[in-house]
Amino acid sequence: MSLSALRFEEQAKQAAEQGEITESAKAILACLDCERRMAASGPQVLQLIKPRA
């Protein structure tokens, strides 16, 4: 997990503990977006397969 994702996770936890559900939800979505971007940053399989001429 990246540092920014960890920060968003901590923000979400603190906001939820304080009862700020909307802020907690926003932080969770931001954390999930960071994780999605990390997963998509590697090489794509389809880009490695070259069609035969």
PDB file of N, CA and C in Angstrom:
ATOM      1  N   MET A   1       0.856  -1.169   0.000  1.00  0.00           N
ATOM      2  CA  MET A   1       0.000   0.000   0.000  1.00  0.00           C
ATOM      3  C   MET A   1       0.901   1.231   0.000  1.00  0.00           C
ATOM      4  N   SER A   2       0.531   2.224  -0.776  1.00  0.00           N
ATOM      5  CA  SER A   2       1.353   3.427  -0.880  1.00  0.00           C
ATOM      6  C   SER A   2       1.156   4.318   0.346  1.00  0.00           C
ATOM      7  N   LEU A   3       2.046   5.276   0.490  1.00  0.00           N
ATOM      8  CA  LEU A   3       1.966   6.203   1.612  1.00  0.00           C
ATOM      9  C   LEU A   3       0.693   7.032   1.560  1.00  0.00           C
ATOM     10  N   SER A   4       0.316   7.488   0.363  1.00  0.00           N
ATOM     11  CA  SER A   4      -0.891   8.300   0.258  1.00  0.00           C
ATOM     12  C   SER A   4      -2.128   7.469   0.608  1.00  0.00           C
ATOM     13  N   ALA A   5      -2.144   6.198   0.201  1.00  0.00           N
ATOM     14  CA  ALA A   5      -3.268   5.333   0.547  1.00  0.00           C
ATOM     15  C   ALA A   5      -3.339   5.128   2.061  1.00  0.00           C
ATOM     16  N   LEU A   6      -2.194   4.965   2.696  1.00  0.00           N
ATOM     17  CA  LEU A   6      -2.169   4.816   4.152  1.00  0.00           C
ATOM     18  C   LEU A   6      -2.670   6.079   4.854  1.00  0.00           C
ATOM     19  N   ARG A   7      -2.300   7.244   4.306  1.00  0.00           N
ATOM     20  CA  ARG A   7      -2.766   8.508   4.881  1.00  0.00           C
ATOM     21  C   ARG A   7      -4.285   8.618   4.778  1.00  0.00           C
ATOM     22  N   PHE A   8      -4.824   8.272   3.601  1.00  0.00           N
ATOM     23  CA  PHE A   8      -6.276   8.332   3.422  1.00  0.00           C
ATOM     24  C   PHE A   8      -6.982   7.348   4.349  1.00  0.00           C
ATOM     25  N   GLU A   9      -6.386   6.174   4.541  1.00  0.00           N
ATOM     26  CA  GLU A   9      -6.975   5.176   5.436  1.00  0.00           C
ATOM     27  C   GLU A   9      -7.026   5.713   6.866  1.00  0.00           C
ATOM     28  N   GLU A  10      -5.951   6.350   7.295  1.00  0.00           N
ATOM     29  CA  GLU A  10      -5.917   6.922   8.647  1.00  0.00           C
ATOM     30  C   GLU A  10      -6.925   8.063   8.776  1.00  0.00           C
ATOM     31  N   GLN A  11      -7.041   8.903   7.746  1.00  0.00           N
ATOM     32  CA  GLN A  11      -8.027   9.981   7.763  1.00  0.00           C
ATOM     33  C   GLN A  11      -9.440   9.417   7.874  1.00  0.00           C
ATOM     34  N   ALA A  12      -9.698   8.351   7.119  1.00  0.00           N
ATOM     35  CA  ALA A  12     -11.026   7.728   7.154  1.00  0.00           C
ATOM     36  C   ALA A  12     -11.342   7.203   8.548  1.00  0.00           C
ATOM     37  N   LYS A  13     -10.354   6.572   9.169  1.00  0.00           N
ATOM     38  CA  LYS A  13     -10.554   6.023  10.512  1.00  0.00           C
ATOM     39  C   LYS A  13     -10.854   7.130  11.521  1.00  0.00           C
ATOM     40  N   GLN A  14     -10.068   8.199  11.473  1.00  0.00           N
ATOM     41  CA  GLN A  14     -10.272   9.301  12.407  1.00  0.00           C
ATOM     42  C   GLN A  14     -11.620   9.982  12.190  1.00  0.00           C
ATOM     43  N   ALA A  15     -11.990  10.181  10.935  1.00  0.00           N
ATOM     44  CA  ALA A  15     -13.270  10.819  10.635  1.00  0.00           C
ATOM     45  C   ALA A  15     -14.435   9.947  11.112  1.00  0.00           C
ATOM     46  N   ALA A  16     -14.324   8.639  10.914  1.00  0.00           N
ATOM     47  CA  ALA A  16     -15.384   7.735  11.358  1.00  0.00           C
ATOM     48  C   ALA A  16     -15.513   7.749  12.877  1.00  0.00           C
ATOM     49  N   GLU A  17     -14.383   7.789  13.567  1.00  0.00           N
ATOM     50  CA  GLU A  17     -14.414   7.832  15.037  1.00  0.00           C
ATOM     51  C   GLU A  17     -15.066   9.104  15.553  1.00  0.00           C
ATOM     52  N   GLN A  18     -14.942  10.191  14.778  1.00  0.00           N
ATOM     53  CA  GLN A  18     -15.538  11.464  15.170  1.00  0.00           C
ATOM     54  C   GLN A  18     -16.972  11.608  14.671  1.00  0.00           C
ATOM     55  N   GLY A  19     -17.450  10.594  13.951  1.00  0.00           N
ATOM     56  CA  GLY A  19     -18.823  10.630  13.462  1.00  0.00           C
ATOM     57  C   GLY A  19     -19.009  11.371  12.151  1.00  0.00           C
ATOM     58  N   GLU A  20     -17.928  11.714  11.503  1.00  0.00           N
ATOM     59  CA  GLU A  20     -17.989  12.429  10.225  1.00  0.00           C
ATOM     60  C   GLU A  20     -18.019  11.399   9.090  1.00  0.00           C
ATOM     61  N   ILE A  21     -19.210  10.872   8.857  1.00  0.00           N
ATOM     62  CA  ILE A  21     -19.365   9.776   7.905  1.00  0.00           C
ATOM     63  C   ILE A  21     -19.028  10.204   6.485  1.00  0.00           C
ATOM     64  N   THR A  22     -19.446  11.391   6.079  1.00  0.00           N
ATOM     65  CA  THR A  22     -19.179  11.862   4.713  1.00  0.00           C
ATOM     66  C   THR A  22     -17.688  12.005   4.469  1.00  0.00           C
ATOM     67  N   GLU A  23     -16.971  12.593   5.414  1.00  0.00           N
ATOM     68  CA  GLU A  23     -15.518  12.752   5.265  1.00  0.00           C
ATOM     69  C   GLU A  23     -14.821  11.398   5.266  1.00  0.00           C
ATOM     70  N   SER A  24     -15.309  10.491   6.080  1.00  0.00           N
ATOM     71  CA  SER A  24     -14.738   9.150   6.132  1.00  0.00           C
ATOM     72  C   SER A  24     -14.932   8.442   4.788  1.00  0.00           C
ATOM     73  N   ALA A  25     -16.118   8.564   4.225  1.00  0.00           N
ATOM     74  CA  ALA A  25     -16.409   7.936   2.933  1.00  0.00           C
ATOM     75  C   ALA A  25     -15.529   8.508   1.830  1.00  0.00           C
ATOM     76  N   LYS A  26     -15.318   9.814   1.838  1.00  0.00           N
ATOM     77  CA  LYS A  26     -14.458  10.452   0.833  1.00  0.00           C
ATOM     78  C   LYS A  26     -13.026   9.929   0.939  1.00  0.00           C
ATOM     79  N   ALA A  27     -12.535   9.783   2.150  1.00  0.00           N
ATOM     80  CA  ALA A  27     -11.174   9.288   2.359  1.00  0.00           C
ATOM     81  C   ALA A  27     -11.054   7.826   1.927  1.00  0.00           C
ATOM     82  N   ILE A  28     -12.091   7.035   2.177  1.00  0.00           N
ATOM     83  CA  ILE A  28     -12.073   5.630   1.751  1.00  0.00           C
ATOM     84  C   ILE A  28     -12.026   5.548   0.234  1.00  0.00           C
ATOM     85  N   LEU A  29     -12.835   6.356  -0.441  1.00  0.00           N
ATOM     86  CA  LEU A  29     -12.822   6.359  -1.904  1.00  0.00           C
ATOM     87  C   LEU A  29     -11.469   6.807  -2.450  1.00  0.00           C
ATOM     88  N   ALA A  30     -10.851   7.784  -1.817  1.00  0.00           N
ATOM     89  CA  ALA A  30      -9.529   8.242  -2.249  1.00  0.00           C
ATOM     90  C   ALA A  30      -8.487   7.139  -2.052  1.00  0.00           C
ATOM     91  N   CYS A  31      -8.597   6.406  -0.957  1.00  0.00           N
ATOM     92  CA  CYS A  31      -7.684   5.284  -0.683  1.00  0.00           C
ATOM     93  C   CYS A  31      -7.849   4.197  -1.744  1.00  0.00           C
ATOM     94  N   LEU A  32      -9.082   3.865  -2.066  1.00  0.00           N
ATOM     95  CA  LEU A  32      -9.345   2.852  -3.082  1.00  0.00           C
ATOM     96  C   LEU A  32      -8.828   3.292  -4.451  1.00  0.00           C
ATOM     97  N   ASP A  33      -8.940   4.585  -4.741  1.00  0.00           N
ATOM     98  CA  ASP A  33      -8.427   5.105  -6.003  1.00  0.00           C
ATOM     99  C   ASP A  33      -6.908   4.960  -6.068  1.00  0.00           C
ATOM    100  N   CYS A  34      -6.230   5.230  -4.952  1.00  0.00           N
ATOM    101  CA  CYS A  34      -4.773   5.049  -4.900  1.00  0.00           C
ATOM    102  C   CYS A  34      -4.394   3.594  -5.155  1.00  0.00           C
ATOM    103  N   GLU A  35      -5.122   2.676  -4.540  1.00  0.00           N
ATOM    104  CA  GLU A  35      -4.835   1.257  -4.731  1.00  0.00           C
ATOM    105  C   GLU A  35      -5.095   0.827  -6.174  1.00  0.00           C
ATOM    106  N   ARG A  36      -6.163   1.355  -6.776  1.00  0.00           N
ATOM    107  CA  ARG A  36      -6.479   1.027  -8.169  1.00  0.00           C
ATOM    108  C   ARG A  36      -5.375   1.519  -9.083  1.00  0.00           C
ATOM    109  N   ARG A  37      -4.894   2.730  -8.833  1.00  0.00           N
ATOM    110  CA  ARG A  37      -3.819   3.285  -9.667  1.00  0.00           C
ATOM    111  C   ARG A  37      -2.532   2.479  -9.525  1.00  0.00           C
ATOM    112  N   MET A  38      -2.249   2.012  -8.295  1.00  0.00           N
ATOM    113  CA  MET A  38      -1.048   1.199  -8.086  1.00  0.00           C
ATOM    114  C   MET A  38      -1.151  -0.110  -8.852  1.00  0.00           C
ATOM    115  N   ALA A  39      -2.316  -0.729  -8.838  1.00  0.00           N
ATOM    116  CA  ALA A  39      -2.505  -2.006  -9.520  1.00  0.00           C
ATOM    117  C   ALA A  39      -2.394  -1.851 -11.036  1.00  0.00           C
ATOM    118  N   ALA A  40      -2.778  -0.688 -11.542  1.00  0.00           N
ATOM    119  CA  ALA A  40      -2.771  -0.459 -12.992  1.00  0.00           C
ATOM    120  C   ALA A  40      -1.434   0.081 -13.492  1.00  0.00           C
ATOM    121  N   SER A  41      -0.480   0.295 -12.608  1.00  0.00           N
ATOM    122  CA  SER A  41       0.781   0.926 -13.013  1.00  0.00           C
ATOM    123  C   SER A  41       1.774  -0.048 -13.638  1.00  0.00           C
ATOM    124  N   GLY A  42       1.556  -1.347 -13.468  1.00  0.00           N
ATOM    125  CA  GLY A  42       2.465  -2.346 -14.034  1.00  0.00           C
ATOM    126  C   GLY A  42       2.215  -2.559 -15.517  1.00  0.00           C
ATOM    127  N   PRO A  43       3.018  -3.398 -16.137  1.00  0.00           N
ATOM    128  CA  PRO A  43       2.830  -3.655 -17.573  1.00  0.00           C
ATOM    129  C   PRO A  43       1.514  -4.388 -17.825  1.00  0.00           C
ATOM    130  N   GLN A  44       0.873  -4.032 -18.885  1.00  0.00           N
ATOM    131  CA  GLN A  44      -0.381  -4.663 -19.262  1.00  0.00           C
ATOM    132  C   GLN A  44      -0.100  -5.849 -20.169  1.00  0.00           C
ATOM    133  N   VAL A  45      -0.743  -6.954 -19.936  1.00  0.00           N
ATOM    134  CA  VAL A  45      -0.505  -8.178 -20.702  1.00  0.00           C
ATOM    135  C   VAL A  45      -0.803  -7.965 -22.171  1.00  0.00           C
ATOM    136  N   LEU A  46      -1.885  -7.286 -22.471  1.00  0.00           N
ATOM    137  CA  LEU A  46      -2.257  -7.095 -23.869  1.00  0.00           C
ATOM    138  C   LEU A  46      -1.226  -6.257 -24.620  1.00  0.00           C
ATOM    139  N   GLN A  47      -0.513  -5.411 -23.932  1.00  0.00           N
ATOM    140  CA  GLN A  47       0.514  -4.598 -24.583  1.00  0.00           C
ATOM    141  C   GLN A  47       1.747  -5.440 -24.905  1.00  0.00           C
ATOM    142  N   LEU A  48       1.927  -6.560 -24.243  1.00  0.00           N
ATOM    143  CA  LEU A  48       3.083  -7.401 -24.461  1.00  0.00           C
ATOM    144  C   LEU A  48       2.879  -8.384 -25.604  1.00  0.00           C
ATOM    145  N   ILE A  49       1.625  -8.668 -25.926  1.00  0.00           N
ATOM    146  CA  ILE A  49       1.316  -9.616 -26.990  1.00  0.00           C
ATOM    147  C   ILE A  49       1.275  -8.861 -28.316  1.00  0.00           C
ATOM    148  N   LYS A  50       2.097  -9.263 -29.241  1.00  0.00           N
ATOM    149  CA  LYS A  50       2.128  -8.583 -30.541  1.00  0.00           C
ATOM    150  C   LYS A  50       1.432  -9.477 -31.570  1.00  0.00           C
ATOM    151  N   PRO A  51       0.577  -8.888 -32.386  1.00  0.00           N
ATOM    152  CA  PRO A  51      -0.110  -9.683 -33.393  1.00  0.00           C
ATOM    153  C   PRO A  51       0.873 -10.161 -34.463  1.00  0.00           C
ATOM    154  N   ARG A  52       0.604 -11.333 -35.005  1.00  0.00           N
ATOM    155  CA  ARG A  52       1.445 -11.865 -36.076  1.00  0.00           C
ATOM    156  C   ARG A  52       1.085 -11.164 -37.386  1.00  0.00           C
ATOM    157  N   ALA A  53       2.094 -10.882 -38.151  1.00  0.00           N
ATOM    158  CA  ALA A  53       1.876 -10.189 -39.423  1.00  0.00           C
ATOM    159  C   ALA A  53       1.450 -11.152 -40.521  1.00  0.00           C
TER     160      ALA A  53
END
